PDB file of N, CA and C in Angstrom:
ATOM      1  N   MET A   1       0.834  -1.173   0.000  1.00  0.00           N
ATOM      2  CA  MET A   1       0.000   0.000   0.000  1.00  0.00           C
ATOM      3  C   MET A   1       0.888   1.249   0.000  1.00  0.00           C
ATOM      4  N   THR A   2       0.580   2.167  -0.854  1.00  0.00           N
ATOM      5  CA  THR A   2       1.328   3.415  -0.954  1.00  0.00           C
ATOM      6  C   THR A   2       0.818   4.411   0.072  1.00  0.00           C
ATOM      7  N   LYS A   3       1.734   5.100   0.710  1.00  0.00           N
ATOM      8  CA  LYS A   3       1.396   6.162   1.653  1.00  0.00           C
ATOM      9  C   LYS A   3       1.968   7.465   1.110  1.00  0.00           C
ATOM     10  N   ILE A   4       1.196   8.532   1.237  1.00  0.00           N
ATOM     11  CA  ILE A   4       1.621   9.848   0.776  1.00  0.00           C
ATOM     12  C   ILE A   4       1.863  10.730   1.991  1.00  0.00           C
ATOM     13  N   PHE A   5       3.099  11.199   2.141  1.00  0.00           N
ATOM     14  CA  PHE A   5       3.448  12.112   3.225  1.00  0.00           C
ATOM     15  C   PHE A   5       3.703  13.490   2.632  1.00  0.00           C
ATOM     16  N   LEU A   6       3.048  14.469   3.186  1.00  0.00           N
ATOM     17  CA  LEU A   6       3.184  15.844   2.726  1.00  0.00           C
ATOM     18  C   LEU A   6       4.399  16.466   3.391  1.00  0.00           C
ATOM     19  N   ASP A   7       5.306  17.009   2.615  1.00  0.00           N
ATOM     20  CA  ASP A   7       6.546  17.592   3.119  1.00  0.00           C
ATOM     21  C   ASP A   7       6.377  19.102   3.158  1.00  0.00           C
ATOM     22  N   THR A   8       5.674  19.582   4.183  1.00  0.00           N
ATOM     23  CA  THR A   8       5.331  20.995   4.268  1.00  0.00           C
ATOM     24  C   THR A   8       4.954  21.350   5.707  1.00  0.00           C
ATOM     25  N   ALA A   9       4.957  22.629   5.988  1.00  0.00           N
ATOM     26  CA  ALA A   9       4.417  23.134   7.251  1.00  0.00           C
ATOM     27  C   ALA A   9       3.330  24.169   6.972  1.00  0.00           C
ATOM     28  N   SER A  10       2.907  24.243   5.733  1.00  0.00           N
ATOM     29  CA  SER A  10       1.883  25.198   5.331  1.00  0.00           C
ATOM     30  C   SER A  10       0.500  24.631   5.612  1.00  0.00           C
ATOM     31  N   ALA A  11      -0.209  25.266   6.527  1.00  0.00           N
ATOM     32  CA  ALA A  11      -1.552  24.805   6.872  1.00  0.00           C
ATOM     33  C   ALA A  11      -2.480  24.855   5.662  1.00  0.00           C
ATOM     34  N   SER A  12      -2.364  25.897   4.838  1.00  0.00           N
ATOM     35  CA  SER A  12      -3.243  26.010   3.673  1.00  0.00           C
ATOM     36  C   SER A  12      -2.950  24.919   2.654  1.00  0.00           C
ATOM     37  N   GLU A  13      -1.672  24.594   2.437  1.00  0.00           N
ATOM     38  CA  GLU A  13      -1.335  23.499   1.519  1.00  0.00           C
ATOM     39  C   GLU A  13      -1.891  22.179   2.034  1.00  0.00           C
ATOM     40  N   ILE A  14      -1.741  21.938   3.306  1.00  0.00           N
ATOM     41  CA  ILE A  14      -2.212  20.679   3.879  1.00  0.00           C
ATOM     42  C   ILE A  14      -3.731  20.576   3.742  1.00  0.00           C
ATOM     43  N   ARG A  15      -4.438  21.656   4.040  1.00  0.00           N
ATOM     44  CA  ARG A  15      -5.899  21.636   3.886  1.00  0.00           C
ATOM     45  C   ARG A  15      -6.305  21.349   2.442  1.00  0.00           C
ATOM     46  N   GLU A  16      -5.588  21.954   1.505  1.00  0.00           N
ATOM     47  CA  GLU A  16      -5.903  21.722   0.097  1.00  0.00           C
ATOM     48  C   GLU A  16      -5.682  20.264  -0.277  1.00  0.00           C
ATOM     49  N   PHE A  17      -4.536  19.705   0.095  1.00  0.00           N
ATOM     50  CA  PHE A  17      -4.245  18.309  -0.221  1.00  0.00           C
ATOM     51  C   PHE A  17      -5.267  17.372   0.426  1.00  0.00           C
ATOM     52  N   LEU A  18      -5.630  17.670   1.662  1.00  0.00           N
ATOM     53  CA  LEU A  18      -6.623  16.833   2.332  1.00  0.00           C
ATOM     54  C   LEU A  18      -7.974  16.904   1.632  1.00  0.00           C
ATOM     55  N   SER A  19      -8.317  18.067   1.074  1.00  0.00           N
ATOM     56  CA  SER A  19      -9.589  18.190   0.346  1.00  0.00           C
ATOM     57  C   SER A  19      -9.589  17.330  -0.920  1.00  0.00           C
ATOM     58  N   TRP A  20      -8.421  17.010  -1.433  1.00  0.00           N
ATOM     59  CA  TRP A  20      -8.284  16.137  -2.594  1.00  0.00           C
ATOM     60  C   TRP A  20      -8.239  14.659  -2.186  1.00  0.00           C
ATOM     61  N   GLY A  21      -8.210  14.409  -0.881  1.00  0.00           N
ATOM     62  CA  GLY A  21      -8.083  13.039  -0.396  1.00  0.00           C
ATOM     63  C   GLY A  21      -6.653  12.545  -0.377  1.00  0.00           C
ATOM     64  N   ILE A  22      -5.705  13.478  -0.395  1.00  0.00           N
ATOM     65  CA  ILE A  22      -4.279  13.129  -0.411  1.00  0.00           C
ATOM     66  C   ILE A  22      -3.668  13.480   0.943  1.00  0.00           C
ATOM     67  N   GLY A  23      -2.954  12.557   1.509  1.00  0.00           N
ATOM     68  CA  GLY A  23      -2.199  12.846   2.724  1.00  0.00           C
ATOM     69  C   GLY A  23      -2.387  11.794   3.790  1.00  0.00           C
ATOM     70  N   ASP A  24      -1.307  11.042   4.050  1.00  0.00           N
ATOM     71  CA  ASP A  24      -1.310  10.038   5.109  1.00  0.00           C
ATOM     72  C   ASP A  24      -0.475  10.470   6.298  1.00  0.00           C
ATOM     73  N   GLY A  25       0.189  11.599   6.162  1.00  0.00           N
ATOM     74  CA  GLY A  25       1.029  12.124   7.230  1.00  0.00           C
ATOM     75  C   GLY A  25       1.757  13.351   6.726  1.00  0.00           C
ATOM     76  N   VAL A  26       2.482  14.010   7.629  1.00  0.00           N
ATOM     77  CA  VAL A  26       3.233  15.215   7.292  1.00  0.00           C
ATOM     78  C   VAL A  26       4.649  15.072   7.833  1.00  0.00           C
ATOM     79  N   THR A  27       5.620  15.442   7.019  1.00  0.00           N
ATOM     80  CA  THR A  27       6.999  15.532   7.487  1.00  0.00           C
ATOM     81  C   THR A  27       7.408  16.995   7.489  1.00  0.00           C
ATOM     82  N   THR A  28       8.098  17.393   8.506  1.00  0.00           N
ATOM     83  CA  THR A  28       8.558  18.770   8.615  1.00  0.00           C
ATOM     84  C   THR A  28      10.016  18.777   9.048  1.00  0.00           C
ATOM     85  N   ASN A  29      10.625  19.914   8.907  1.00  0.00           N
ATOM     86  CA  ASN A  29      11.942  20.169   9.467  1.00  0.00           C
ATOM     87  C   ASN A  29      12.072  21.683   9.630  1.00  0.00           C
ATOM     88  N   GLN A  30      13.152  22.118  10.185  1.00  0.00           N
ATOM     89  CA  GLN A  30      13.304  23.541  10.495  1.00  0.00           C
ATOM     90  C   GLN A  30      13.360  24.394   9.231  1.00  0.00           C
ATOM     91  N   LYS A  31      13.972  23.896   8.175  1.00  0.00           N
ATOM     92  CA  LYS A  31      14.034  24.656   6.926  1.00  0.00           C
ATOM     93  C   LYS A  31      12.630  24.893   6.375  1.00  0.00           C
ATOM     94  N   ILE A  32      11.786  23.879   6.439  1.00  0.00           N
ATOM     95  CA  ILE A  32      10.396  24.025   5.985  1.00  0.00           C
ATOM     96  C   ILE A  32       9.671  25.064   6.834  1.00  0.00           C
ATOM     97  N   PHE A  33       9.866  25.019   8.132  1.00  0.00           N
ATOM     98  CA  PHE A  33       9.210  26.002   8.998  1.00  0.00           C
ATOM     99  C   PHE A  33       9.719  27.411   8.736  1.00  0.00           C
ATOM    100  N   LEU A  34      10.999  27.559   8.451  1.00  0.00           N
ATOM    101  CA  LEU A  34      11.533  28.883   8.138  1.00  0.00           C
ATOM    102  C   LEU A  34      10.882  29.469   6.893  1.00  0.00           C
ATOM    103  N   SER A  35      10.560  28.615   5.925  1.00  0.00           N
ATOM    104  CA  SER A  35       9.926  29.107   4.699  1.00  0.00           C
ATOM    105  C   SER A  35       8.497  29.599   4.949  1.00  0.00           C
ATOM    106  N   GLU A  36       7.917  29.236   6.079  1.00  0.00           N
ATOM    107  CA  GLU A  36       6.573  29.683   6.442  1.00  0.00           C
ATOM    108  C   GLU A  36       6.576  31.094   7.025  1.00  0.00           C
ATOM    109  N   GLY A  37       7.756  31.603   7.323  1.00  0.00           N
ATOM    110  CA  GLY A  37       7.832  32.943   7.898  1.00  0.00           C
ATOM    111  C   GLY A  37       7.641  32.911   9.403  1.00  0.00           C
ATOM    112  N   ASN A  38       6.999  33.913   9.908  1.00  0.00           N
ATOM    113  CA  ASN A  38       6.857  34.082  11.353  1.00  0.00           C
ATOM    114  C   ASN A  38       5.641  33.313  11.880  1.00  0.00           C
ATOM    115  N   VAL A  39       5.820  32.005  12.090  1.00  0.00           N
ATOM    116  CA  VAL A  39       4.761  31.193  12.676  1.00  0.00           C
ATOM    117  C   VAL A  39       5.245  30.624  14.004  1.00  0.00           C
ATOM    118  N   ASP A  40       4.323  30.425  14.917  1.00  0.00           N
ATOM    119  CA  ASP A  40       4.652  29.791  16.186  1.00  0.00           C
ATOM    120  C   ASP A  40       4.822  28.295  15.922  1.00  0.00           C
ATOM    121  N   PHE A  41       6.016  27.802  16.133  1.00  0.00           N
ATOM    122  CA  PHE A  41       6.373  26.419  15.802  1.00  0.00           C
ATOM    123  C   PHE A  41       5.434  25.414  16.473  1.00  0.00           C
ATOM    124  N   LYS A  42       5.295  25.495  17.777  1.00  0.00           N
ATOM    125  CA  LYS A  42       4.459  24.536  18.503  1.00  0.00           C
ATOM    126  C   LYS A  42       3.002  24.640  18.063  1.00  0.00           C
ATOM    127  N   GLN A  43       2.480  25.852  17.959  1.00  0.00           N
ATOM    128  CA  GLN A  43       1.085  26.016  17.557  1.00  0.00           C
ATOM    129  C   GLN A  43       0.818  25.449  16.171  1.00  0.00           C
ATOM    130  N   ARG A  44       1.765  25.622  15.248  1.00  0.00           N
ATOM    131  CA  ARG A  44       1.574  25.089  13.898  1.00  0.00           C
ATOM    132  C   ARG A  44       1.613  23.559  13.918  1.00  0.00           C
ATOM    133  N   VAL A  45       2.537  22.992  14.692  1.00  0.00           N
ATOM    134  CA  VAL A  45       2.594  21.534  14.799  1.00  0.00           C
ATOM    135  C   VAL A  45       1.264  21.012  15.343  1.00  0.00           C
ATOM    136  N   LEU A  46       0.736  21.644  16.373  1.00  0.00           N
ATOM    137  CA  LEU A  46      -0.544  21.215  16.939  1.00  0.00           C
ATOM    138  C   LEU A  46      -1.683  21.384  15.946  1.00  0.00           C
ATOM    139  N   GLU A  47      -1.653  22.459  15.176  1.00  0.00           N
ATOM    140  CA  GLU A  47      -2.669  22.673  14.146  1.00  0.00           C
ATOM    141  C   GLU A  47      -2.625  21.556  13.100  1.00  0.00           C
ATOM    142  N   ILE A  48      -1.421  21.206  12.667  1.00  0.00           N
ATOM    143  CA  ILE A  48      -1.267  20.142  11.681  1.00  0.00           C
ATOM    144  C   ILE A  48      -1.741  18.807  12.250  1.00  0.00           C
ATOM    145  N   CYS A  49      -1.402  18.543  13.506  1.00  0.00           N
ATOM    146  CA  CYS A  49      -1.836  17.293  14.143  1.00  0.00           C
ATOM    147  C   CYS A  49      -3.355  17.184  14.177  1.00  0.00           C
ATOM    148  N   SER A  50      -4.027  18.306  14.359  1.00  0.00           N
ATOM    149  CA  SER A  50      -5.484  18.285  14.505  1.00  0.00           C
ATOM    150  C   SER A  50      -6.227  18.205  13.168  1.00  0.00           C
ATOM    151  N   MET A  51      -5.540  18.320  12.062  1.00  0.00           N
ATOM    152  CA  MET A  51      -6.206  18.345  10.757  1.00  0.00           C
ATOM    153  C   MET A  51      -6.755  17.000  10.323  1.00  0.00           C
ATOM    154  N   LYS A  52      -6.179  15.930  10.837  1.00  0.00           N
ATOM    155  CA  LYS A  52      -6.640  14.596  10.456  1.00  0.00           C
ATOM    156  C   LYS A  52      -6.367  13.669  11.629  1.00  0.00           C
ATOM    157  N   LYS A  53      -7.365  12.868  11.972  1.00  0.00           N
ATOM    158  CA  LYS A  53      -7.224  11.974  13.119  1.00  0.00           C
ATOM    159  C   LYS A  53      -6.165  10.900  12.858  1.00  0.00           C
ATOM    160  N   ASP A  54      -5.323  10.702  13.840  1.00  0.00           N
ATOM    161  CA  ASP A  54      -4.366   9.591  13.850  1.00  0.00           C
ATOM    162  C   ASP A  54      -3.414   9.539  12.660  1.00  0.00           C
ATOM    163  N   TRP A  55      -2.907  10.697  12.250  1.00  0.00           N
ATOM    164  CA  TRP A  55      -1.882  10.647  11.214  1.00  0.00           C
ATOM    165  C   TRP A  55      -0.568  11.121  11.808  1.00  0.00           C
ATOM    166  N   PRO A  56       0.545  10.553  11.360  1.00  0.00           N
ATOM    167  CA  PRO A  56       1.843  10.950  11.908  1.00  0.00           C
ATOM    168  C   PRO A  56       2.279  12.318  11.383  1.00  0.00           C
ATOM    169  N   VAL A  57       2.812  13.105  12.293  1.00  0.00           N
ATOM    170  CA  VAL A  57       3.358  14.422  11.959  1.00  0.00           C
ATOM    171  C   VAL A  57       4.773  14.447  12.516  1.00  0.00           C
ATOM    172  N   SER A  58       5.752  14.395  11.628  1.00  0.00           N
ATOM    173  CA  SER A  58       7.136  14.325  12.093  1.00  0.00           C
ATOM    174  C   SER A  58       7.686  15.715  12.376  1.00  0.00           C
ATOM    175  N   VAL A  59       8.433  15.781  13.456  1.00  0.00           N
ATOM    176  CA  VAL A  59       9.067  17.019  13.906  1.00  0.00           C
ATOM    177  C   VAL A  59      10.528  16.681  14.184  1.00  0.00           C
ATOM    178  N   GLU A  60      11.424  17.435  13.582  1.00  0.00           N
ATOM    179  CA  GLU A  60      12.851  17.131  13.644  1.00  0.00           C
ATOM    180  C   GLU A  60      13.559  17.901  14.755  1.00  0.00           C
ATOM    181  N   THR A  61      14.452  17.207  15.445  1.00  0.00           N
ATOM    182  CA  THR A  61      15.265  17.857  16.472  1.00  0.00           C
ATOM    183  C   THR A  61      16.323  18.738  15.813  1.00  0.00           C
ATOM    184  N   THR A  62      16.805  19.724  16.581  1.00  0.00           N
ATOM    185  CA  THR A  62      17.801  20.651  16.037  1.00  0.00           C
ATOM    186  C   THR A  62      19.030  20.808  16.928  1.00  0.00           C
ATOM    187  N   THR A  63      18.964  20.306  18.142  1.00  0.00           N
ATOM    188  CA  THR A  63      20.097  20.463  19.047  1.00  0.00           C
ATOM    189  C   THR A  63      21.151  19.402  18.732  1.00  0.00           C
ATOM    190  N   HIS A  64      22.271  19.439  19.458  1.00  0.00           N
ATOM    191  CA  HIS A  64      23.375  18.558  19.101  1.00  0.00           C
ATOM    192  C   HIS A  64      23.898  17.702  20.245  1.00  0.00           C
ATOM    193  N   SER A  65      23.814  18.146  21.473  1.00  0.00           N
ATOM    194  CA  SER A  65      24.343  17.328  22.567  1.00  0.00           C
ATOM    195  C   SER A  65      23.317  16.270  22.955  1.00  0.00           C
ATOM    196  N   TYR A  66      23.793  15.185  23.507  1.00  0.00           N
ATOM    197  CA  TYR A  66      22.921  14.089  23.924  1.00  0.00           C
ATOM    198  C   TYR A  66      21.807  14.591  24.849  1.00  0.00           C
ATOM    199  N   GLU A  67      22.178  15.323  25.885  1.00  0.00           N
ATOM    200  CA  GLU A  67      21.198  15.786  26.861  1.00  0.00           C
ATOM    201  C   GLU A  67      20.148  16.696  26.223  1.00  0.00           C
ATOM    202  N   ASP A  68      20.605  17.623  25.385  1.00  0.00           N
ATOM    203  CA  ASP A  68      19.670  18.540  24.726  1.00  0.00           C
ATOM    204  C   ASP A  68      18.746  17.806  23.761  1.00  0.00           C
ATOM    205  N   LEU A  69      19.282  16.838  23.046  1.00  0.00           N
ATOM    206  CA  LEU A  69      18.472  16.072  22.108  1.00  0.00           C
ATOM    207  C   LEU A  69      17.394  15.261  22.823  1.00  0.00           C
ATOM    208  N   VAL A  70      17.752  14.635  23.928  1.00  0.00           N
ATOM    209  CA  VAL A  70      16.766  13.868  24.695  1.00  0.00           C
ATOM    210  C   VAL A  70      15.671  14.794  25.194  1.00  0.00           C
ATOM    211  N   GLU A  71      16.058  15.932  25.750  1.00  0.00           N
ATOM    212  CA  GLU A  71      15.075  16.892  26.258  1.00  0.00           C
ATOM    213  C   GLU A  71      14.171  17.395  25.127  1.00  0.00           C
ATOM    214  N   GLU A  72      14.763  17.739  23.999  1.00  0.00           N
ATOM    215  CA  GLU A  72      13.996  18.253  22.867  1.00  0.00           C
ATOM    216  C   GLU A  72      13.044  17.175  22.327  1.00  0.00           C
ATOM    217  N   ALA A  73      13.535  15.960  22.168  1.00  0.00           N
ATOM    218  CA  ALA A  73      12.693  14.875  21.656  1.00  0.00           C
ATOM    219  C   ALA A  73      11.522  14.609  22.581  1.00  0.00           C
ATOM    220  N   ARG A  74      11.759  14.578  23.856  1.00  0.00           N
ATOM    221  CA  ARG A  74      10.667  14.348  24.815  1.00  0.00           C
ATOM    222  C   ARG A  74       9.673  15.498  24.822  1.00  0.00           C
ATOM    223  N   GLU A  75      10.168  16.714  24.680  1.00  0.00           N
ATOM    224  CA  GLU A  75       9.279  17.879  24.634  1.00  0.00           C
ATOM    225  C   GLU A  75       8.342  17.770  23.434  1.00  0.00           C
ATOM    226  N   TYR A  76       8.906  17.531  22.246  1.00  0.00           N
ATOM    227  CA  TYR A  76       8.073  17.416  21.042  1.00  0.00           C
ATOM    228  C   TYR A  76       7.054  16.281  21.185  1.00  0.00           C
ATOM    229  N   ALA A  77       7.507  15.145  21.672  1.00  0.00           N
ATOM    230  CA  ALA A  77       6.613  13.992  21.818  1.00  0.00           C
ATOM    231  C   ALA A  77       5.466  14.277  22.781  1.00  0.00           C
ATOM    232  N   SER A  78       5.673  15.178  23.729  1.00  0.00           N
ATOM    233  CA  SER A  78       4.632  15.487  24.714  1.00  0.00           C
ATOM    234  C   SER A  78       3.529  16.380  24.147  1.00  0.00           C
ATOM    235  N   TRP A  79       3.759  16.994  23.002  1.00  0.00           N
ATOM    236  CA  TRP A  79       2.803  17.948  22.450  1.00  0.00           C
ATOM    237  C   TRP A  79       1.513  17.296  21.985  1.00  0.00           C
ATOM    238  N   HIS A  80       1.616  16.127  21.365  1.00  0.00           N
ATOM    239  CA  HIS A  80       0.429  15.502  20.768  1.00  0.00           C
ATOM    240  C   HIS A  80       0.758  14.047  20.466  1.00  0.00           C
ATOM    241  N   LYS A  81      -0.244  13.185  20.548  1.00  0.00           N
ATOM    242  CA  LYS A  81      -0.008  11.751  20.288  1.00  0.00           C
ATOM    243  C   LYS A  81       0.403  11.469  18.843  1.00  0.00           C
ATOM    244  N   ASN A  82       0.116  12.390  17.921  1.00  0.00           N
ATOM    245  CA  ASN A  82       0.469  12.183  16.512  1.00  0.00           C
ATOM    246  C   ASN A  82       1.902  12.584  16.182  1.00  0.00           C
ATOM    247  N   VAL A  83       2.585  13.274  17.077  1.00  0.00           N
ATOM    248  CA  VAL A  83       3.950  13.719  16.793  1.00  0.00           C
ATOM    249  C   VAL A  83       4.896  12.527  16.755  1.00  0.00           C
ATOM    250  N   VAL A  84       5.659  12.468  15.670  1.00  0.00           N
ATOM    251  CA  VAL A  84       6.727  11.491  15.509  1.00  0.00           C
ATOM    252  C   VAL A  84       8.020  12.297  15.478  1.00  0.00           C
ATOM    253  N   VAL A  85       8.914  12.014  16.390  1.00  0.00           N
ATOM    254  CA  VAL A  85      10.149  12.792  16.500  1.00  0.00           C
ATOM    255  C   VAL A  85      11.218  12.194  15.593  1.00  0.00           C
ATOM    256  N   LYS A  86      11.813  13.067  14.763  1.00  0.00           N
ATOM    257  CA  LYS A  86      12.943  12.675  13.925  1.00  0.00           C
ATOM    258  C   LYS A  86      14.214  13.160  14.623  1.00  0.00           C
ATOM    259  N   VAL A  87      15.080  12.230  14.953  1.00  0.00           N
ATOM    260  CA  VAL A  87      16.350  12.568  15.600  1.00  0.00           C
ATOM    261  C   VAL A  87      17.465  12.379  14.577  1.00  0.00           C
ATOM    262  N   ALA A  88      18.243  13.423  14.381  1.00  0.00           N
ATOM    263  CA  ALA A  88      19.357  13.346  13.439  1.00  0.00           C
ATOM    264  C   ALA A  88      20.382  12.324  13.909  1.00  0.00           C
ATOM    265  N   MET A  89      20.903  11.563  12.961  1.00  0.00           N
ATOM    266  CA  MET A  89      21.947  10.591  13.266  1.00  0.00           C
ATOM    267  C   MET A  89      23.308  11.253  13.074  1.00  0.00           C
ATOM    268  N   MET A  90      24.209  10.960  14.004  1.00  0.00           N
ATOM    269  CA  MET A  90      25.555  11.522  13.948  1.00  0.00           C
ATOM    270  C   MET A  90      26.560  10.389  13.868  1.00  0.00           C
ATOM    271  N   LYS A  91      27.713  10.678  13.326  1.00  0.00           N
ATOM    272  CA  LYS A  91      28.739   9.648  13.149  1.00  0.00           C
ATOM    273  C   LYS A  91      29.162   9.009  14.462  1.00  0.00           C
ATOM    274  N   ASP A  92      29.057   9.749  15.567  1.00  0.00           N
ATOM    275  CA  ASP A  92      29.504   9.212  16.853  1.00  0.00           C
ATOM    276  C   ASP A  92      28.436   8.378  17.556  1.00  0.00           C
ATOM    277  N   GLY A  93      27.274   8.208  16.932  1.00  0.00           N
ATOM    278  CA  GLY A  93      26.222   7.383  17.516  1.00  0.00           C
ATOM    279  C   GLY A  93      25.296   8.093  18.487  1.00  0.00           C
ATOM    280  N   THR A  94      25.477   9.402  18.658  1.00  0.00           N
ATOM    281  CA  THR A  94      24.649  10.143  19.611  1.00  0.00           C
ATOM    282  C   THR A  94      23.166   9.996  19.301  1.00  0.00           C
ATOM    283  N   GLY A  95      22.793  10.097  18.039  1.00  0.00           N
ATOM    284  CA  GLY A  95      21.384   9.978  17.667  1.00  0.00           C
ATOM    285  C   GLY A  95      20.784   8.648  18.095  1.00  0.00           C
ATOM    286  N   LEU A  96      21.533   7.576  17.907  1.00  0.00           N
ATOM    287  CA  LEU A  96      21.058   6.251  18.314  1.00  0.00           C
ATOM    288  C   LEU A  96      20.917   6.159  19.831  1.00  0.00           C
ATOM    289  N   LYS A  97      21.841   6.756  20.553  1.00  0.00           N
ATOM    290  CA  LYS A  97      21.761   6.766  22.019  1.00  0.00           C
ATOM    291  C   LYS A  97      20.527   7.533  22.486  1.00  0.00           C
ATOM    292  N   VAL A  98      20.234   8.628  21.807  1.00  0.00           N
ATOM    293  CA  VAL A  98      19.043   9.425  22.132  1.00  0.00           C
ATOM    294  C   VAL A  98      17.789   8.568  21.919  1.00  0.00           C
ATOM    295  N   LEU A  99      17.706   7.897  20.783  1.00  0.00           N
ATOM    296  CA  LEU A  99      16.557   7.037  20.505  1.00  0.00           C
ATOM    297  C   LEU A  99      16.384   5.974  21.575  1.00  0.00           C
ATOM    298  N   ARG A 100      17.469   5.346  21.937  1.00  0.00           N
ATOM    299  CA  ARG A 100      17.420   4.301  22.968  1.00  0.00           C
ATOM    300  C   ARG A 100      16.918   4.880  24.286  1.00  0.00           C
ATOM    301  N   SER A 101      17.409   6.033  24.658  1.00  0.00           N
ATOM    302  CA  SER A 101      16.996   6.663  25.902  1.00  0.00           C
ATOM    303  C   SER A 101      15.515   6.999  25.880  1.00  0.00           C
ATOM    304  N   CYS A 102      15.041   7.545  24.774  1.00  0.00           N
ATOM    305  CA  CYS A 102      13.634   7.919  24.672  1.00  0.00           C
ATOM    306  C   CYS A 102      12.726   6.697  24.660  1.00  0.00           C
ATOM    307  N   MET A 103      13.197   5.610  24.089  1.00  0.00           N
ATOM    308  CA  MET A 103      12.392   4.388  24.021  1.00  0.00           C
ATOM    309  C   MET A 103      12.311   3.696  25.378  1.00  0.00           C
ATOM    310  N   THR A 104      13.359   3.765  26.174  1.00  0.00           N
ATOM    311  CA  THR A 104      13.385   3.024  27.438  1.00  0.00           C
ATOM    312  C   THR A 104      12.850   3.829  28.613  1.00  0.00           C
ATOM    313  N   LYS A 105      12.818   5.158  28.477  1.00  0.00           N
ATOM    314  CA  LYS A 105      12.388   5.988  29.606  1.00  0.00           C
ATOM    315  C   LYS A 105      11.149   6.809  29.268  1.00  0.00           C
ATOM    316  N   GLY A 106      10.403   6.390  28.271  1.00  0.00           N
ATOM    317  CA  GLY A 106       9.169   7.080  27.934  1.00  0.00           C
ATOM    318  C   GLY A 106       9.393   8.160  26.977  1.00  0.00           C
TER     319      GLY A 106
END
């Protein structure tokens, strides 16, 4: 089965695609949010989550240290049950350690 993920943070684009019956989830990152201009990051993520029941909305971490990444990932995950946190992988394995920590400690 094919799944279509919308790579945008534009609420109007997402609404349009959903009106066409297109969209199984949304992927975002900081560059996409910057292209939206002056929007409240958390509020937009919550708005996107509420547009369709039970669809994944990915939100990417931006920090670099293990401790900051764990804190950031947990913060994003706490916003809404639909949030899927994307943790950047680093050559030293920090990203994998963050994932392990988040999986074992909630």
